[in-house]
Amino acid sequence: MEEQRKQALPIILAIETVTSSLSTAVLQGDRLLAETTVNADRRFVEQLPAVVNESLDKAGVTLHDLTHLAVSIGPGSFTGVRVGVAYAKGLAIGLNIGIIPVLTLQALALSISQEHPDEDVVFCPMTIARRGESFMQLFRLENGYPVEMGELTAVTLADFLSLVGDIPVVCGGEGAVHLLGNAEDLPANVTLHHGVQAVASDMGRCAVRLLSDEGYVVPPLDEVVPYYFKEFTVHTAGKV
């Protein structure tokens, strides 16, 4: 019976290419079988196939054992997002399986929450944008899982400080280090966690959670596209 249950669980290959690190992971249900992370230095095209194969080998599965793919769709590195989505689509077509797209900040929020499992704290995952800005979104824990508090936006340091006000917030990700790392006199309510980055294992866990929702439908491949944030929107803390 236990073997039958394991076989019924989805086997997901998760692909994360949105930040400077490249990672892939294989999960069976919510159990992590293997993960590989390398510093790709933006050379995603050259390194991605080998990193995928390494995770599959460590997990003891083949491409044909996979039931789904999961891919990080941004926002973040435009090149990284495009490479990851295109690679996932090529695999999905060849294997005749679906792709679960995951917003990068959702997965990064999960990474931060595992380091700070406090339901009284707001999490602020960030990825690097352009012109000295970072992409950010606020999350809070509900039943051990981060849920959105506000809209995804792009901010400067001044915008960020105005947005969070006096809310206790833990920030993480390359965008947080980029935006806050050299800031002087950060308010006491703002904590910068340097050691958190977007990884395929947490992105895969987000995909598993989506897939477990009875109302979730795996989108057609032509609807799996990079998330390019186009608007610059600033929200005040009172509107979060």
Protein backbone atom coordinates (compact mmCIF):
# COMPACT_ATOMS: atom_id res chain seq x y z
CA MET A 1 0.00 0.00 0.00
CA GLU A 2 2.80 2.42 0.92
CA GLU A 3 4.55 1.69 -2.38
CA GLN A 4 1.33 2.36 -4.28
CA ARG A 5 0.90 5.64 -2.44
CA LYS A 6 4.42 6.73 -3.32
CA GLN A 7 3.87 5.88 -6.97
CA ALA A 8 0.69 7.97 -6.98
CA LEU A 9 2.54 11.08 -5.79
CA PRO A 10 3.65 13.51 -8.50
CA ILE A 11 7.34 13.49 -9.37
CA ILE A 12 8.35 17.04 -10.20
CA LEU A 13 11.51 18.48 -11.71
CA ALA A 14 11.83 22.10 -10.53
CA ILE A 15 13.97 24.58 -12.45
CA GLU A 16 15.13 27.90 -10.97
CA THR A 17 17.08 30.26 -13.25
CA VAL A 18 15.88 33.70 -12.21
CA THR A 19 18.80 34.77 -10.01
CA SER A 20 22.57 34.49 -10.42
CA SER A 21 22.45 30.95 -9.03
CA LEU A 22 21.07 28.09 -11.07
CA SER A 23 19.32 25.27 -9.25
CA THR A 24 17.23 22.24 -10.07
CA ALA A 25 15.44 19.87 -7.72
CA VAL A 26 13.45 16.66 -7.91
CA LEU A 27 10.52 16.17 -5.53
CA GLN A 28 8.11 13.30 -5.01
CA GLY A 29 5.10 14.92 -3.47
CA ASP A 30 6.52 17.31 -0.87
CA ARG A 31 9.57 15.11 -0.26
CA LEU A 32 12.81 16.44 -1.69
CA LEU A 33 14.73 13.69 -3.49
CA ALA A 34 17.65 15.75 -4.77
CA GLU A 35 18.80 19.29 -5.43
CA THR A 36 21.74 20.80 -7.30
CA THR A 37 22.78 24.46 -7.09
CA VAL A 38 25.64 26.14 -8.95
CA ASN A 39 26.79 29.69 -9.47
CA ALA A 40 25.92 29.99 -13.14
CA ASP A 41 27.31 33.51 -13.57
CA ARG A 42 24.38 34.00 -15.99
CA ARG A 43 25.62 31.11 -18.20
CA PHE A 44 22.28 29.32 -17.87
CA VAL A 45 22.11 27.93 -21.40
CA GLU A 46 25.45 26.16 -21.11
CA GLN A 47 24.98 24.78 -17.59
CA LEU A 48 21.26 23.98 -17.28
CA PRO A 49 21.22 20.54 -19.00
CA ALA A 50 24.09 19.25 -16.86
CA VAL A 51 22.53 20.56 -13.65
CA VAL A 52 19.20 18.91 -14.54
CA ASN A 53 20.94 15.60 -15.22
CA GLU A 54 22.84 15.79 -11.94
CA SER A 55 19.63 16.24 -9.92
CA LEU A 56 17.93 13.40 -11.79
CA ASP A 57 20.91 11.10 -11.19
CA LYS A 58 21.06 11.94 -7.48
CA ALA A 59 17.30 11.34 -7.17
CA GLY A 60 17.52 8.01 -8.98
CA VAL A 61 14.87 8.92 -11.54
CA THR A 62 14.83 9.52 -15.29
CA LEU A 63 13.10 12.16 -17.34
CA HIS A 64 10.40 9.62 -18.21
CA ASP A 65 9.58 9.14 -14.52
CA LEU A 66 8.55 12.79 -14.23
CA THR A 67 4.86 13.65 -13.98
CA HIS A 68 5.29 17.45 -14.03
CA LEU A 69 7.80 20.23 -14.41
CA ALA A 70 7.88 23.39 -12.32
CA VAL A 71 9.63 26.55 -13.43
CA SER A 72 10.27 29.92 -11.87
CA ILE A 73 8.75 32.63 -14.09
CA GLY A 74 10.11 35.78 -12.45
CA PRO A 75 10.29 38.62 -11.99
CA GLY A 76 14.06 38.72 -12.02
CA SER A 77 16.80 38.24 -14.59
CA PHE A 78 15.17 38.58 -18.01
CA THR A 79 17.71 36.22 -19.58
CA GLY A 80 17.39 33.66 -16.80
CA VAL A 81 13.60 33.65 -16.93
CA ARG A 82 13.56 33.18 -20.70
CA VAL A 83 16.10 30.35 -20.59
CA GLY A 84 14.31 28.48 -17.81
CA VAL A 85 10.86 28.74 -19.37
CA ALA A 86 12.11 27.79 -22.84
CA TYR A 87 14.03 24.79 -21.51
CA ALA A 88 11.04 23.60 -19.47
CA LYS A 89 8.75 23.91 -22.47
CA GLY A 90 11.11 21.88 -24.61
CA LEU A 91 11.18 19.10 -22.02
CA ALA A 92 7.41 19.25 -21.49
CA ILE A 93 6.71 18.85 -25.21
CA GLY A 94 9.10 15.92 -25.51
CA LEU A 95 7.77 14.18 -22.39
CA ASN A 96 4.11 15.17 -22.91
CA ILE A 97 3.75 16.49 -19.37
CA GLY A 98 2.57 19.81 -17.92
CA ILE A 99 4.43 22.74 -16.40
CA ILE A 100 3.50 24.42 -13.12
CA PRO A 101 4.65 28.07 -13.29
CA VAL A 102 5.68 29.62 -9.97
CA LEU A 103 6.31 33.28 -9.21
CA THR A 104 9.87 33.69 -7.95
CA LEU A 105 8.91 35.89 -5.00
CA GLN A 106 6.45 33.27 -3.72
CA ALA A 107 9.20 30.66 -3.58
CA LEU A 108 11.64 33.14 -2.06
CA ALA A 109 9.09 34.02 0.62
CA LEU A 110 8.93 30.33 1.52
CA SER A 111 12.74 30.26 1.80
CA ILE A 112 12.72 33.26 4.16
CA SER A 113 9.87 31.88 6.26
CA GLN A 114 11.81 28.68 6.93
CA GLU A 115 14.58 30.77 8.46
CA HIS A 116 12.12 32.94 10.40
CA PRO A 117 8.99 30.87 11.16
CA ASP A 118 7.19 33.69 12.97
CA GLU A 119 3.57 34.48 12.13
CA ASP A 120 3.95 37.98 13.61
CA VAL A 121 6.61 38.92 11.07
CA VAL A 122 6.09 40.12 7.52
CA PHE A 123 8.38 38.64 4.87
CA CYS A 124 9.70 40.70 1.99
CA PRO A 125 11.41 38.65 -0.74
CA MET A 126 13.23 40.71 -3.37
CA THR A 127 14.84 40.12 -6.74
CA ILE A 128 16.94 42.62 -8.68
CA ALA A 129 15.15 44.93 -11.11
CA ARG A 130 16.69 47.77 -13.09
CA ARG A 131 17.77 51.37 -12.45
CA GLY A 132 18.71 50.67 -8.83
CA GLU A 133 15.30 49.18 -8.04
CA SER A 134 14.26 45.79 -6.70
CA PHE A 135 11.10 43.76 -7.18
CA MET A 136 9.34 43.03 -3.91
CA GLN A 137 6.13 41.71 -2.41
CA LEU A 138 4.98 41.36 1.18
CA PHE A 139 3.89 38.02 2.65
CA ARG A 140 2.79 36.68 6.03
CA LEU A 141 2.61 33.15 7.38
CA GLU A 142 -0.71 31.36 7.57
CA ASN A 143 -0.64 27.75 8.74
CA GLY A 144 3.06 27.60 8.01
CA TYR A 145 2.83 28.87 4.44
CA PRO A 146 3.47 32.43 3.13
CA VAL A 147 0.44 34.20 1.67
CA GLU A 148 0.42 37.52 -0.18
CA MET A 149 -0.27 40.73 1.74
CA GLY A 150 0.07 43.16 -1.12
CA GLU A 151 0.83 43.50 -4.80
CA LEU A 152 4.15 42.81 -6.45
CA THR A 153 5.95 46.06 -7.18
CA ALA A 154 9.33 47.60 -8.05
CA VAL A 155 10.86 49.99 -5.53
CA THR A 156 13.78 52.21 -4.74
CA LEU A 157 15.09 52.29 -1.18
CA ALA A 158 12.96 55.33 -0.37
CA ASP A 159 9.86 53.65 -1.81
CA PHE A 160 10.53 50.51 0.21
CA LEU A 161 10.89 52.39 3.49
CA SER A 162 7.71 54.33 2.81
CA LEU A 163 5.86 51.14 1.96
CA VAL A 164 6.77 49.11 5.03
CA GLY A 165 6.51 51.96 7.52
CA ASP A 166 6.95 50.56 11.03
CA ILE A 167 5.90 46.98 10.13
CA PRO A 168 8.39 44.36 11.42
CA VAL A 169 9.72 42.91 8.17
CA VAL A 170 12.37 40.34 7.27
CA CYS A 171 13.88 40.85 3.81
CA GLY A 172 15.82 38.35 1.76
CA GLY A 173 17.09 37.55 -1.71
CA GLU A 174 19.56 39.17 -4.08
CA GLY A 175 17.25 42.15 -4.55
CA ALA A 176 17.22 42.78 -0.80
CA VAL A 177 21.01 42.75 -0.57
CA HIS A 178 21.16 44.95 -3.69
CA LEU A 179 18.70 47.50 -2.27
CA LEU A 180 19.42 47.42 1.46
CA GLY A 181 22.93 46.03 1.78
CA ASN A 182 24.68 49.41 1.64
CA ALA A 183 21.92 51.45 3.23
CA GLU A 184 22.86 53.44 6.31
CA ASP A 185 20.75 53.34 9.46
CA LEU A 186 18.05 50.90 8.43
CA PRO A 187 15.05 51.17 10.78
CA ALA A 188 15.01 48.69 13.67
CA ASN A 189 11.89 47.03 12.25
CA VAL A 190 13.73 46.02 9.04
CA THR A 191 15.89 42.87 9.13
CA LEU A 192 18.07 41.94 6.17
CA HIS A 193 18.76 38.21 5.91
CA HIS A 194 21.87 37.82 3.76
CA GLY A 195 21.84 34.03 3.49
CA VAL A 196 18.53 33.51 1.68
CA GLN A 197 18.33 32.92 -2.05
CA ALA A 198 15.81 31.51 -4.50
CA VAL A 199 16.27 27.74 -4.79
CA ALA A 200 14.53 25.07 -6.83
CA SER A 201 13.51 22.99 -3.80
CA ASP A 202 11.31 25.75 -2.37
CA MET A 203 9.96 26.62 -5.79
CA GLY A 204 9.09 22.94 -6.22
CA ARG A 205 7.30 22.92 -2.86
CA CYS A 206 5.20 25.86 -4.05
CA ALA A 207 4.34 23.85 -7.17
CA VAL A 208 3.35 20.84 -5.07
CA ARG A 209 1.07 23.05 -2.99
CA LEU A 210 -0.56 24.47 -6.12
CA LEU A 211 -1.02 21.00 -7.54
CA SER A 212 -2.67 19.78 -4.32
CA ASP A 213 -5.35 22.49 -4.58
CA GLU A 214 -8.50 20.86 -5.97
CA GLY A 215 -9.29 23.97 -7.99
CA TYR A 216 -5.87 24.23 -9.62
CA VAL A 217 -5.57 23.42 -13.31
CA VAL A 218 -2.15 22.98 -14.91
CA PRO A 219 -2.08 25.62 -17.66
CA PRO A 220 -1.58 24.87 -21.36
CA LEU A 221 2.02 25.26 -22.44
CA ASP A 222 1.29 28.39 -24.46
CA GLU A 223 0.15 30.09 -21.24
CA VAL A 224 3.41 29.36 -19.42
CA VAL A 225 5.29 32.59 -20.07
CA PRO A 226 7.86 34.73 -18.26
CA TYR A 227 6.44 37.28 -15.84
CA TYR A 228 7.77 40.64 -16.94
CA PHE A 229 6.81 43.37 -14.51
CA LYS A 230 6.03 46.44 -16.63
CA GLU A 231 4.46 48.95 -14.32
CA PHE A 232 6.15 50.92 -11.61
CA THR A 233 3.68 51.05 -8.75
CA VAL A 234 4.15 52.40 -5.27
CA HIS A 235 1.78 51.47 -2.43
CA THR A 236 1.69 53.04 1.00
CA ALA A 237 1.97 50.91 4.10
CA GLY A 238 -1.57 51.70 5.09
CA LYS A 239 -2.85 50.10 1.89
CA VAL A 240 -1.05 46.78 2.29
